[in-house]
Protein backbone atom coordinates (compact mmCIF):
# COMPACT_ATOMS: atom_id res chain seq x y z
CA MET A 1 111.81 183.22 70.46
CA HIS A 2 113.59 185.02 67.73
CA ASP A 3 116.20 182.97 65.65
CA TYR A 4 119.05 185.30 66.25
CA ILE A 5 118.44 184.94 70.11
CA ILE A 6 118.58 181.05 69.72
CA TRP A 7 121.58 181.51 67.61
CA PHE A 8 123.34 183.60 70.16
CA ILE A 9 122.50 181.39 73.03
CA GLU A 10 123.71 178.13 71.18
CA GLY A 11 127.01 179.99 70.10
CA LEU A 12 127.50 181.04 73.98
CA PHE A 13 126.73 177.49 74.92
CA GLY A 14 129.07 176.02 72.47
CA MET A 15 131.81 178.52 73.82
CA ALA A 16 131.25 177.43 77.13
CA MET A 17 131.40 173.83 76.39
CA PHE A 18 134.92 174.39 74.53
CA ILE A 19 136.03 176.46 77.48
CA ASN A 20 135.06 173.76 79.79
CA ALA A 21 137.05 171.29 78.07
CA VAL A 22 140.07 173.61 77.82
CA LEU A 23 140.01 174.37 81.76
CA PHE A 24 141.60 170.82 82.17
CA LEU A 25 144.79 171.57 80.01
CA PRO A 26 146.72 173.72 82.19
CA GLN A 27 146.49 171.06 84.71
CA ALA A 28 147.71 168.19 82.27
CA ILE A 29 150.39 170.55 81.17
CA LYS A 30 151.63 171.15 84.77
CA ILE A 31 151.65 167.31 85.53
CA HIS A 32 153.74 166.78 82.36
CA LYS A 33 156.19 169.54 83.00
CA THR A 34 156.63 168.77 86.68
CA LYS A 35 156.20 164.83 86.64
CA ASN A 36 154.57 165.49 90.09
CA THR A 37 151.03 164.32 90.80
CA LYS A 38 151.20 164.94 94.50
CA GLY A 39 147.80 166.62 95.83
CA LEU A 40 145.74 165.34 92.99
CA SER A 41 142.99 162.95 93.50
CA LEU A 42 142.85 160.21 90.99
CA ILE A 43 139.30 159.26 92.24
CA THR A 44 138.03 162.83 91.42
CA PHE A 45 139.19 163.03 88.09
CA ILE A 46 137.75 159.43 87.29
CA GLY A 47 134.47 160.83 88.61
CA PHE A 48 134.85 163.58 86.31
CA ASN A 49 135.39 161.07 83.62
CA ILE A 50 132.25 159.10 84.59
CA ILE A 51 129.97 162.24 84.39
CA GLN A 52 131.28 163.33 81.23
CA LEU A 53 130.72 159.88 79.60
CA SER A 54 127.14 159.73 80.96
CA SER A 55 126.81 163.45 79.78
CA ILE A 56 127.84 162.39 76.25
CA LEU A 57 125.39 159.65 76.26
CA HIS A 58 122.58 161.96 77.48
CA GLY A 59 123.50 164.41 74.57
CA TYR A 60 123.43 161.39 72.03
CA ILE A 61 119.79 160.39 73.13
CA HIS A 62 118.75 163.79 73.06
CA LYS A 63 120.55 164.81 69.72
CA ASP A 64 122.15 167.60 71.50
CA TYR A 65 125.40 167.44 69.45
CA ILE A 66 127.11 170.62 70.84
CA PHE A 67 126.64 169.38 74.35
CA MET A 68 127.82 165.84 73.25
CA LEU A 69 131.04 167.31 71.50
CA GLY A 70 131.69 169.64 74.42
CA MET A 71 131.61 166.74 76.98
CA LEU A 72 133.85 164.50 74.59
CA LEU A 73 136.61 167.30 74.55
CA SER A 74 136.12 167.38 78.49
CA LEU A 75 136.46 163.61 78.51
CA LEU A 76 139.63 163.57 76.33
CA PHE A 77 141.51 166.25 78.20
CA CYS A 78 140.36 165.18 81.63
CA GLY A 79 141.34 161.49 80.60
CA CYS A 80 144.87 162.78 79.78
CA ILE A 81 145.10 163.81 83.48
CA CYS A 82 143.97 160.56 84.56
CA PHE A 83 146.44 158.86 82.38
CA LEU A 84 149.18 161.30 83.57
CA ILE A 85 148.48 160.66 87.30
CA ILE A 86 148.50 156.76 86.95
CA TYR A 87 151.55 157.00 84.63
CA TYR A 88 153.63 159.20 87.04
CA LYS A 89 152.40 157.60 90.14
CA ILE A 90 153.71 154.22 88.68
CA LYS A 91 156.78 155.43 87.26
CA TYR A 92 158.07 157.53 90.16
CA LYS A 93 155.91 155.29 92.89
CA THR A 94 154.53 158.49 94.56
CA THR A 95 151.53 158.26 96.87
């Protein structure tokens, strides 16, 4: 395969990993602004975090640093959502 095709695919993959991580931000911002976690499943977001952590380890083993960095960003942003869900559920005693 030509180097420019590999470079293009790697760049596209890197952008996709960044976008995947950034897609968690609107939810975190909404939670922070409204201070409302009703309808959000903490179990689901913790599940995402477990998947992201295992993906980071997979990327490390295979030396796929673009994938690893993308999953690390996703873990960070999704982890923020988990933190906010826990924080506001405790603070406002919502179910």
